[in-house]
Amino acid sequence: MLAVYGSDAYKVVLVLHILCAIVGFGAVFLNALYGQQAKSRKGPEGLAIAEANELVSKVGEYFIIAVFFLGIALVLIGDDVWGFGQVWVWLSITLFIIALGISQGVLAPRVRRLIALQSELVGGGPPPSDAPPGPPPQVLEMEKIGKQLAIIGPTLNIMLIVILTLMVFQPGGP
């Protein structure tokens, strides 16, 4: 067998698993701070912060996906120490898949829309003289999306903390 629990090959996969978690989740865990900074800096500066954050988050996603597959590999090569029937393993996998679905299906489209609206505002110049009073429609939609992101982001962070807690305490484990 190429790798077994405790072998050097197992430890290399474990190091890669942890490293990918640090890089991937680190890239997205503080996204709300970037959002606050983008909101506080109107115009091109705010847009630049949002676009940079989106790029870093996309890169982080690759590492997050790697975390999942490296974790699966650790269970597979963990001999009889780890198993998919252990509560912490299957629950972590389930929560990860749910979080990934929320991230890709709910969070990411809203972030893309938010950036598109910011781009429209930056590229549109000042409002026309005959524009109705009040904020432009993009601003109203951005505020609505911002409120949604204020719920989605922390929810994903809490899910990550729960998964990490499961991995550390390993309920139903050896």
N, C-alpha and C. Protein backbone atom coordinates (compact mmCIF):
# COMPACT_ATOMS: atom_id res chain seq x y z
N MET A 1 0.85 -1.18 0.00
CA MET A 1 0.00 0.00 0.00
C MET A 1 0.90 1.24 0.00
N LEU A 2 0.53 2.24 -0.79
CA LEU A 2 1.33 3.45 -0.94
C LEU A 2 1.39 4.26 0.34
N ALA A 3 0.25 4.42 1.01
CA ALA A 3 0.22 5.23 2.21
C ALA A 3 -0.71 4.60 3.23
N VAL A 4 -0.29 4.67 4.47
CA VAL A 4 -1.13 4.20 5.57
C VAL A 4 -1.07 5.26 6.66
N TYR A 5 -2.00 5.18 7.58
CA TYR A 5 -2.05 6.14 8.68
C TYR A 5 -0.69 6.21 9.37
N GLY A 6 -0.20 7.44 9.53
CA GLY A 6 1.06 7.66 10.22
C GLY A 6 2.29 7.60 9.33
N SER A 7 2.16 7.11 8.10
CA SER A 7 3.32 7.04 7.21
C SER A 7 3.70 8.44 6.73
N ASP A 8 4.88 8.54 6.13
CA ASP A 8 5.31 9.83 5.59
C ASP A 8 4.35 10.31 4.50
N ALA A 9 3.88 9.41 3.66
CA ALA A 9 2.94 9.79 2.59
C ALA A 9 1.64 10.33 3.19
N TYR A 10 1.16 9.67 4.24
CA TYR A 10 -0.05 10.15 4.93
C TYR A 10 0.18 11.55 5.49
N LYS A 11 1.33 11.75 6.11
CA LYS A 11 1.65 13.05 6.69
C LYS A 11 1.76 14.14 5.63
N VAL A 12 2.27 13.80 4.45
CA VAL A 12 2.35 14.78 3.35
C VAL A 12 0.93 15.19 2.94
N VAL A 13 0.03 14.22 2.81
CA VAL A 13 -1.36 14.53 2.45
C VAL A 13 -2.00 15.38 3.55
N LEU A 14 -1.71 15.06 4.81
CA LEU A 14 -2.25 15.84 5.93
C LEU A 14 -1.74 17.28 5.89
N VAL A 15 -0.45 17.46 5.63
CA VAL A 15 0.11 18.81 5.53
C VAL A 15 -0.55 19.57 4.38
N LEU A 16 -0.72 18.93 3.25
CA LEU A 16 -1.38 19.59 2.11
C LEU A 16 -2.83 19.94 2.44
N HIS A 17 -3.51 19.05 3.13
CA HIS A 17 -4.90 19.29 3.56
C HIS A 17 -4.97 20.54 4.43
N ILE A 18 -4.09 20.62 5.42
CA ILE A 18 -4.09 21.77 6.33
C ILE A 18 -3.65 23.03 5.61
N LEU A 19 -2.62 22.95 4.78
CA LEU A 19 -2.14 24.11 4.04
C LEU A 19 -3.24 24.66 3.12
N CYS A 20 -3.91 23.78 2.41
CA CYS A 20 -5.00 24.23 1.53
C CYS A 20 -6.13 24.86 2.34
N ALA A 21 -6.39 24.33 3.52
CA ALA A 21 -7.43 24.93 4.38
C ALA A 21 -7.03 26.33 4.80
N ILE A 22 -5.78 26.50 5.18
CA ILE A 22 -5.32 27.82 5.60
C ILE A 22 -5.43 28.82 4.45
N VAL A 23 -4.93 28.43 3.29
CA VAL A 23 -4.94 29.35 2.13
C VAL A 23 -6.38 29.58 1.65
N GLY A 24 -7.13 28.50 1.45
CA GLY A 24 -8.47 28.62 0.88
C GLY A 24 -9.45 29.34 1.79
N PHE A 25 -9.57 28.87 3.00
CA PHE A 25 -10.53 29.49 3.91
C PHE A 25 -10.04 30.84 4.39
N GLY A 26 -8.72 30.98 4.50
CA GLY A 26 -8.17 32.28 4.85
C GLY A 26 -8.49 33.34 3.80
N ALA A 27 -8.55 32.91 2.55
CA ALA A 27 -8.84 33.84 1.46
C ALA A 27 -10.28 34.36 1.51
N VAL A 28 -11.18 33.61 2.14
CA VAL A 28 -12.59 34.02 2.11
C VAL A 28 -13.18 34.34 3.48
N PHE A 29 -12.53 33.93 4.54
CA PHE A 29 -13.11 34.08 5.87
C PHE A 29 -13.37 35.54 6.25
N LEU A 30 -12.53 36.44 5.80
CA LEU A 30 -12.67 37.85 6.16
C LEU A 30 -13.27 38.69 5.03
N ASN A 31 -14.01 38.08 4.14
CA ASN A 31 -14.61 38.82 3.02
C ASN A 31 -15.47 39.99 3.47
N ALA A 32 -16.12 39.87 4.61
CA ALA A 32 -16.97 40.97 5.09
C ALA A 32 -16.16 42.24 5.32
N LEU A 33 -14.91 42.09 5.74
CA LEU A 33 -14.07 43.27 5.93
C LEU A 33 -13.78 43.96 4.60
N TYR A 34 -13.54 43.16 3.58
CA TYR A 34 -13.34 43.74 2.25
C TYR A 34 -14.62 44.44 1.79
N GLY A 35 -15.76 43.81 2.06
CA GLY A 35 -17.03 44.42 1.69
C GLY A 35 -17.25 45.75 2.37
N GLN A 36 -16.91 45.82 3.65
CA GLN A 36 -17.03 47.09 4.38
C GLN A 36 -16.11 48.16 3.79
N GLN A 37 -14.90 47.75 3.44
CA GLN A 37 -13.96 48.71 2.85
C GLN A 37 -14.43 49.17 1.48
N ALA A 38 -14.96 48.26 0.69
CA ALA A 38 -15.47 48.63 -0.63
C ALA A 38 -16.64 49.60 -0.50
N LYS A 39 -17.50 49.34 0.47
CA LYS A 39 -18.67 50.21 0.69
C LYS A 39 -18.25 51.59 1.18
N SER A 40 -17.22 51.65 1.99
CA SER A 40 -16.81 52.94 2.55
C SER A 40 -16.04 53.79 1.55
N ARG A 41 -15.58 53.18 0.47
CA ARG A 41 -14.86 53.92 -0.56
C ARG A 41 -15.69 53.88 -1.84
N LYS A 42 -16.37 54.95 -2.10
CA LYS A 42 -17.28 55.00 -3.25
C LYS A 42 -16.48 55.06 -4.55
N GLY A 43 -17.15 54.79 -5.64
CA GLY A 43 -16.55 54.96 -6.96
C GLY A 43 -15.53 53.90 -7.31
N PRO A 44 -14.55 54.30 -8.12
CA PRO A 44 -13.57 53.33 -8.63
C PRO A 44 -12.78 52.63 -7.53
N GLU A 45 -12.51 53.33 -6.43
CA GLU A 45 -11.74 52.70 -5.34
C GLU A 45 -12.52 51.55 -4.71
N GLY A 46 -13.79 51.77 -4.44
CA GLY A 46 -14.63 50.71 -3.88
C GLY A 46 -14.77 49.54 -4.83
N LEU A 47 -14.93 49.86 -6.11
CA LEU A 47 -15.04 48.80 -7.13
C LEU A 47 -13.75 48.00 -7.18
N ALA A 48 -12.61 48.66 -7.12
CA ALA A 48 -11.32 47.96 -7.17
C ALA A 48 -11.17 47.00 -6.00
N ILE A 49 -11.59 47.43 -4.82
CA ILE A 49 -11.51 46.55 -3.65
C ILE A 49 -12.41 45.34 -3.85
N ALA A 50 -13.62 45.56 -4.32
CA ALA A 50 -14.57 44.46 -4.54
C ALA A 50 -14.05 43.48 -5.59
N GLU A 51 -13.48 44.01 -6.67
CA GLU A 51 -12.96 43.15 -7.73
C GLU A 51 -11.75 42.34 -7.25
N ALA A 52 -10.87 42.99 -6.48
CA ALA A 52 -9.71 42.28 -5.93
C ALA A 52 -10.16 41.17 -4.98
N ASN A 53 -11.14 41.47 -4.15
CA ASN A 53 -11.66 40.47 -3.22
C ASN A 53 -12.29 39.30 -3.97
N GLU A 54 -13.01 39.59 -5.03
CA GLU A 54 -13.62 38.51 -5.81
C GLU A 54 -12.54 37.61 -6.43
N LEU A 55 -11.48 38.21 -6.94
CA LEU A 55 -10.39 37.44 -7.53
C LEU A 55 -9.72 36.55 -6.48
N VAL A 56 -9.41 37.12 -5.33
CA VAL A 56 -8.78 36.34 -4.26
C VAL A 56 -9.71 35.21 -3.81
N SER A 57 -11.00 35.48 -3.74
CA SER A 57 -11.97 34.46 -3.35
C SER A 57 -12.02 33.33 -4.37
N LYS A 58 -11.95 33.67 -5.65
CA LYS A 58 -11.95 32.63 -6.69
C LYS A 58 -10.73 31.74 -6.58
N VAL A 59 -9.58 32.33 -6.32
CA VAL A 59 -8.37 31.54 -6.12
C VAL A 59 -8.55 30.66 -4.88
N GLY A 60 -9.07 31.24 -3.81
CA GLY A 60 -9.31 30.48 -2.59
C GLY A 60 -10.21 29.28 -2.80
N GLU A 61 -11.17 29.40 -3.72
CA GLU A 61 -12.09 28.30 -3.99
C GLU A 61 -11.36 27.04 -4.45
N TYR A 62 -10.31 27.19 -5.24
CA TYR A 62 -9.55 26.03 -5.71
C TYR A 62 -8.90 25.30 -4.52
N PHE A 63 -8.38 26.07 -3.59
CA PHE A 63 -7.77 25.47 -2.41
C PHE A 63 -8.83 24.82 -1.53
N ILE A 64 -10.01 25.43 -1.44
CA ILE A 64 -11.11 24.87 -0.65
C ILE A 64 -11.56 23.54 -1.23
N ILE A 65 -11.66 23.46 -2.55
CA ILE A 65 -12.02 22.19 -3.19
C ILE A 65 -10.93 21.15 -2.91
N ALA A 66 -9.67 21.57 -2.96
CA ALA A 66 -8.57 20.65 -2.66
C ALA A 66 -8.67 20.13 -1.23
N VAL A 67 -9.10 20.98 -0.29
CA VAL A 67 -9.27 20.55 1.11
C VAL A 67 -10.21 19.35 1.16
N PHE A 68 -11.30 19.44 0.43
CA PHE A 68 -12.30 18.37 0.43
C PHE A 68 -11.68 17.05 -0.07
N PHE A 69 -11.03 17.11 -1.23
CA PHE A 69 -10.49 15.88 -1.80
C PHE A 69 -9.31 15.33 -0.99
N LEU A 70 -8.51 16.21 -0.44
CA LEU A 70 -7.42 15.74 0.42
C LEU A 70 -7.97 15.12 1.71
N GLY A 71 -9.07 15.67 2.22
CA GLY A 71 -9.72 15.08 3.39
C GLY A 71 -10.26 13.68 3.09
N ILE A 72 -10.87 13.54 1.93
CA ILE A 72 -11.35 12.22 1.50
C ILE A 72 -10.17 11.25 1.40
N ALA A 73 -9.07 11.74 0.83
CA ALA A 73 -7.87 10.89 0.71
C ALA A 73 -7.36 10.46 2.08
N LEU A 74 -7.39 11.36 3.04
CA LEU A 74 -6.94 11.01 4.39
C LEU A 74 -7.79 9.91 5.00
N VAL A 75 -9.09 9.97 4.78
CA VAL A 75 -9.97 8.91 5.30
C VAL A 75 -9.66 7.59 4.58
N LEU A 76 -9.48 7.66 3.27
CA LEU A 76 -9.22 6.43 2.50
C LEU A 76 -7.89 5.78 2.88
N ILE A 77 -6.87 6.59 3.13
CA ILE A 77 -5.56 6.01 3.45
C ILE A 77 -5.33 5.88 4.94
N GLY A 78 -6.34 6.24 5.72
CA GLY A 78 -6.22 6.18 7.18
C GLY A 78 -6.46 4.82 7.76
N ASP A 79 -6.27 3.78 6.96
CA ASP A 79 -6.47 2.40 7.42
C ASP A 79 -7.85 2.27 8.06
N ASP A 80 -7.85 1.65 9.22
CA ASP A 80 -9.11 1.47 9.95
C ASP A 80 -9.29 2.54 11.01
N VAL A 81 -8.41 3.55 11.02
CA VAL A 81 -8.51 4.61 12.02
C VAL A 81 -9.68 5.52 11.70
N TRP A 82 -9.81 5.91 10.43
CA TRP A 82 -10.90 6.79 10.00
C TRP A 82 -11.83 6.00 9.09
N GLY A 83 -13.10 6.36 9.14
CA GLY A 83 -14.07 5.72 8.26
C GLY A 83 -15.21 6.67 7.96
N PHE A 84 -15.81 6.46 6.81
CA PHE A 84 -16.92 7.34 6.38
C PHE A 84 -18.15 7.17 7.26
N GLY A 85 -18.21 6.11 8.03
CA GLY A 85 -19.32 5.90 8.94
C GLY A 85 -19.20 6.63 10.27
N GLN A 86 -18.02 7.20 10.53
CA GLN A 86 -17.84 7.95 11.76
C GLN A 86 -18.60 9.28 11.66
N VAL A 87 -19.27 9.63 12.73
CA VAL A 87 -20.14 10.82 12.72
C VAL A 87 -19.40 12.06 12.25
N TRP A 88 -18.24 12.30 12.78
CA TRP A 88 -17.51 13.53 12.44
C TRP A 88 -17.13 13.56 10.97
N VAL A 89 -16.87 12.40 10.37
CA VAL A 89 -16.47 12.35 8.96
C VAL A 89 -17.67 12.63 8.07
N TRP A 90 -18.75 11.87 8.22
CA TRP A 90 -19.88 12.05 7.31
C TRP A 90 -20.57 13.39 7.54
N LEU A 91 -20.61 13.85 8.79
CA LEU A 91 -21.24 15.14 9.07
C LEU A 91 -20.40 16.29 8.48
N SER A 92 -19.07 16.19 8.60
CA SER A 92 -18.20 17.20 8.00
C SER A 92 -18.37 17.24 6.48
N ILE A 93 -18.44 16.07 5.85
CA ILE A 93 -18.63 16.01 4.40
C ILE A 93 -19.96 16.63 4.02
N THR A 94 -21.00 16.28 4.76
CA THR A 94 -22.34 16.82 4.47
C THR A 94 -22.37 18.33 4.61
N LEU A 95 -21.82 18.84 5.70
CA LEU A 95 -21.80 20.29 5.91
C LEU A 95 -20.95 20.99 4.85
N PHE A 96 -19.85 20.39 4.47
CA PHE A 96 -18.99 20.97 3.43
C PHE A 96 -19.76 21.09 2.12
N ILE A 97 -20.47 20.04 1.73
CA ILE A 97 -21.22 20.06 0.48
C ILE A 97 -22.33 21.10 0.53
N ILE A 98 -23.01 21.20 1.66
CA ILE A 98 -24.05 22.22 1.82
C ILE A 98 -23.44 23.62 1.72
N ALA A 99 -22.33 23.83 2.42
CA ALA A 99 -21.67 25.14 2.39
C ALA A 99 -21.19 25.48 0.99
N LEU A 100 -20.65 24.51 0.28
CA LEU A 100 -20.20 24.75 -1.09
C LEU A 100 -21.38 25.12 -1.98
N GLY A 101 -22.51 24.45 -1.78
CA GLY A 101 -23.72 24.79 -2.54
C GLY A 101 -24.19 26.21 -2.26
N ILE A 102 -24.18 26.60 -0.99
CA ILE A 102 -24.56 27.96 -0.62
C ILE A 102 -23.58 28.96 -1.23
N SER A 103 -22.31 28.65 -1.14
CA SER A 103 -21.28 29.54 -1.66
C SER A 103 -21.43 29.74 -3.16
N GLN A 104 -21.57 28.64 -3.89
CA GLN A 104 -21.63 28.73 -5.34
C GLN A 104 -23.00 29.13 -5.87
N GLY A 105 -24.05 28.69 -5.20
CA GLY A 105 -25.40 28.93 -5.71
C GLY A 105 -26.08 30.17 -5.17
N VAL A 106 -25.63 30.66 -4.02
CA VAL A 106 -26.29 31.81 -3.40
C VAL A 106 -25.34 33.00 -3.28
N LEU A 107 -24.18 32.77 -2.68
CA LEU A 107 -23.24 33.85 -2.43
C LEU A 107 -22.61 34.40 -3.72
N ALA A 108 -21.99 33.53 -4.49
CA ALA A 108 -21.24 33.97 -5.68
C ALA A 108 -22.10 34.77 -6.67
N PRO A 109 -23.33 34.33 -7.00
CA PRO A 109 -24.12 35.14 -7.93
C PRO A 109 -24.43 36.55 -7.39
N ARG A 110 -24.63 36.64 -6.09
CA ARG A 110 -24.90 37.96 -5.50
C ARG A 110 -23.67 38.86 -5.53
N VAL A 111 -22.51 38.27 -5.29
CA VAL A 111 -21.27 39.06 -5.36
C VAL A 111 -21.05 39.55 -6.78
N ARG A 112 -21.26 38.66 -7.76
CA ARG A 112 -21.10 39.07 -9.17
C ARG A 112 -22.07 40.19 -9.52
N ARG A 113 -23.29 40.09 -9.06
CA ARG A 113 -24.29 41.13 -9.33
C ARG A 113 -23.90 42.43 -8.67
N LEU A 114 -23.43 42.36 -7.46
CA LEU A 114 -23.00 43.55 -6.73
C LEU A 114 -21.89 44.27 -7.49
N ILE A 115 -20.93 43.52 -7.98
CA ILE A 115 -19.82 44.12 -8.73
C ILE A 115 -20.31 44.70 -10.05
N ALA A 116 -21.24 44.01 -10.70
CA ALA A 116 -21.81 44.55 -11.95
C ALA A 116 -22.52 45.88 -11.69
N LEU A 117 -23.25 45.96 -10.60
CA LEU A 117 -23.94 47.21 -10.25
C LEU A 117 -22.93 48.31 -9.94
N GLN A 118 -21.87 47.96 -9.21
CA GLN A 118 -20.83 48.95 -8.92
C GLN A 118 -20.20 49.45 -10.22
N SER A 119 -19.96 48.53 -11.13
CA SER A 119 -19.37 48.91 -12.43
C SER A 119 -20.28 49.86 -13.20
N GLU A 120 -21.57 49.58 -13.16
CA GLU A 120 -22.54 50.47 -13.82
C GLU A 120 -22.47 51.87 -13.23
N LEU A 121 -22.42 51.94 -11.92
CA LEU A 121 -22.37 53.25 -11.26
C LEU A 121 -21.09 54.00 -11.60
N VAL A 122 -19.97 53.29 -11.56
CA VAL A 122 -18.69 53.93 -11.84
C VAL A 122 -18.62 54.36 -13.30
N GLY A 123 -19.10 53.53 -14.20
CA GLY A 123 -19.02 53.83 -15.63
C GLY A 123 -20.08 54.79 -16.13
N GLY A 124 -21.12 55.01 -15.33
CA GLY A 124 -22.24 55.83 -15.79
C GLY A 124 -22.05 57.32 -15.63
N GLY A 125 -21.09 57.74 -14.84
CA GLY A 125 -20.90 59.17 -14.61
C GLY A 125 -22.00 59.72 -13.73
N PRO A 126 -22.08 61.05 -13.66
CA PRO A 126 -23.10 61.66 -12.80
C PRO A 126 -24.50 61.40 -13.35
N PRO A 127 -25.50 61.41 -12.47
CA PRO A 127 -26.87 61.16 -12.95
C PRO A 127 -27.34 62.30 -13.85
N PRO A 128 -28.21 62.00 -14.80
CA PRO A 128 -28.73 63.06 -15.67
C PRO A 128 -29.54 64.08 -14.86
N SER A 129 -29.65 65.27 -15.38
CA SER A 129 -30.34 66.35 -14.66
C SER A 129 -31.82 66.05 -14.44
N ASP A 130 -32.41 65.23 -15.30
CA ASP A 130 -33.83 64.92 -15.16
C ASP A 130 -34.08 63.62 -14.38
N ALA A 131 -33.03 63.09 -13.72
CA ALA A 131 -33.17 61.87 -12.94
C ALA A 131 -34.07 62.12 -11.74
N PRO A 132 -34.88 61.11 -11.37
CA PRO A 132 -35.74 61.29 -10.20
C PRO A 132 -34.89 61.47 -8.94
N PRO A 133 -35.46 62.13 -7.93
CA PRO A 133 -34.69 62.34 -6.70
C PRO A 133 -34.41 61.00 -6.00
N GLY A 134 -33.39 61.01 -5.21
CA GLY A 134 -33.04 59.81 -4.46
C GLY A 134 -31.89 59.08 -5.10
N PRO A 135 -31.51 58.00 -4.46
CA PRO A 135 -30.36 57.24 -4.97
C PRO A 135 -30.71 56.53 -6.28
N PRO A 136 -29.69 56.27 -7.09
CA PRO A 136 -29.92 55.51 -8.32
C PRO A 136 -30.43 54.10 -7.99
N PRO A 137 -31.14 53.48 -8.91
CA PRO A 137 -31.68 52.13 -8.64
C PRO A 137 -30.58 51.12 -8.31
N GLN A 138 -29.39 51.30 -8.87
CA GLN A 138 -28.29 50.38 -8.57
C GLN A 138 -27.95 50.40 -7.08
N VAL A 139 -27.97 51.59 -6.49
CA VAL A 139 -27.64 51.72 -5.07
C VAL A 139 -28.66 50.97 -4.21
N LEU A 140 -29.92 51.09 -4.58
CA LEU A 140 -30.96 50.39 -3.81
C LEU A 140 -30.79 48.88 -3.90
N GLU A 141 -30.48 48.40 -5.11
CA GLU A 141 -30.27 46.95 -5.27
C GLU A 141 -29.00 46.51 -4.54
N MET A 142 -27.97 47.34 -4.57
CA MET A 142 -26.73 47.02 -3.86
C MET A 142 -26.97 46.91 -2.36
N GLU A 143 -27.78 47.80 -1.82
CA GLU A 143 -28.10 47.75 -0.38
C GLU A 143 -28.84 46.46 -0.04
N LYS A 144 -29.76 46.06 -0.91
CA LYS A 144 -30.50 44.82 -0.70
C LYS A 144 -29.55 43.62 -0.72
N ILE A 145 -28.66 43.59 -1.71
CA ILE A 145 -27.70 42.48 -1.81
C ILE A 145 -26.76 42.49 -0.60
N GLY A 146 -26.34 43.68 -0.18
CA GLY A 146 -25.46 43.79 0.98
C GLY A 146 -26.08 43.18 2.23
N LYS A 147 -27.37 43.38 2.41
CA LYS A 147 -28.07 42.80 3.56
C LYS A 147 -28.09 41.27 3.46
N GLN A 148 -28.27 40.76 2.25
CA GLN A 148 -28.25 39.31 2.06
C GLN A 148 -26.86 38.74 2.35
N LEU A 149 -25.83 39.43 1.85
CA LEU A 149 -24.46 38.96 2.08
C LEU A 149 -24.10 39.00 3.56
N ALA A 150 -24.70 39.94 4.29
CA ALA A 150 -24.44 40.05 5.72
C ALA A 150 -24.98 38.85 6.49
N ILE A 151 -25.85 38.08 5.88
CA ILE A 151 -26.37 36.86 6.49
C ILE A 151 -25.63 35.64 5.95
N ILE A 152 -25.41 35.62 4.64
CA ILE A 152 -24.79 34.45 4.00
C ILE A 152 -23.35 34.25 4.45
N GLY A 153 -22.56 35.32 4.46
CA GLY A 153 -21.14 35.20 4.82
C GLY A 153 -20.93 34.64 6.21
N PRO A 154 -21.55 35.23 7.23
CA PRO A 154 -21.38 34.67 8.59
C PRO A 154 -21.91 33.24 8.72
N THR A 155 -22.96 32.92 7.98
CA THR A 155 -23.49 31.55 8.02
C THR A 155 -22.43 30.57 7.52
N LEU A 156 -21.76 30.92 6.43
CA LEU A 156 -20.70 30.05 5.91
C LEU A 156 -19.53 29.97 6.89
N ASN A 157 -19.20 31.08 7.51
CA ASN A 157 -18.11 31.06 8.50
C ASN A 157 -18.46 30.16 9.69
N ILE A 158 -19.70 30.21 10.14
CA ILE A 158 -20.13 29.35 11.25
C ILE A 158 -20.07 27.89 10.83
N MET A 159 -20.47 27.60 9.61
CA MET A 159 -20.40 26.22 9.12
C MET A 159 -18.95 25.73 9.12
N LEU A 160 -18.03 26.59 8.71
CA LEU A 160 -16.61 26.23 8.73
C LEU A 160 -16.14 25.95 10.16
N ILE A 161 -16.55 26.78 11.09
CA ILE A 161 -16.16 26.58 12.49
C ILE A 161 -16.72 25.25 13.01
N VAL A 162 -17.95 24.92 12.64
CA VAL A 162 -18.54 23.65 13.06
C VAL A 162 -17.75 22.48 12.47
N ILE A 163 -17.41 22.56 11.18
CA ILE A 163 -16.63 21.49 10.54
C ILE A 163 -15.27 21.34 11.22
N LEU A 164 -14.61 22.45 11.48
CA LEU A 164 -13.32 22.41 12.14
C LEU A 164 -13.44 21.79 13.54
N THR A 165 -14.49 22.15 14.25
CA THR A 165 -14.73 21.58 15.58
C THR A 165 -14.95 20.08 15.50
N LEU A 166 -15.71 19.64 14.49
CA LEU A 166 -15.93 18.21 14.30
C LEU A 166 -14.61 17.48 14.05
N MET A 167 -13.74 18.09 13.26
CA MET A 167 -12.46 17.44 12.96
C MET A 167 -11.54 17.38 14.18
N VAL A 168 -11.62 18.37 15.03
CA VAL A 168 -10.77 18.38 16.22
C VAL A 168 -11.29 17.43 17.29
N PHE A 169 -12.60 17.46 17.56
CA PHE A 169 -13.16 16.64 18.65
C PHE A 169 -13.57 15.25 18.19
N GLN A 170 -13.80 15.07 16.91
CA GLN A 170 -14.10 13.76 16.29
C GLN A 170 -15.16 12.94 17.03
N PRO A 171 -16.37 13.50 17.19
CA PRO A 171 -17.41 12.68 17.84
C PRO A 171 -17.71 11.43 16.99
N GLY A 172 -17.83 10.32 17.65
CA GLY A 172 -18.06 9.07 16.93
C GLY A 172 -16.81 8.51 16.30
N GLY A 173 -15.65 9.10 16.64
CA GLY A 173 -14.36 8.64 16.10
C GLY A 173 -13.73 7.60 16.99
N PRO A 174 -12.47 7.33 16.70
CA PRO A 174 -11.78 6.27 17.45
C PRO A 174 -11.56 6.62 18.91
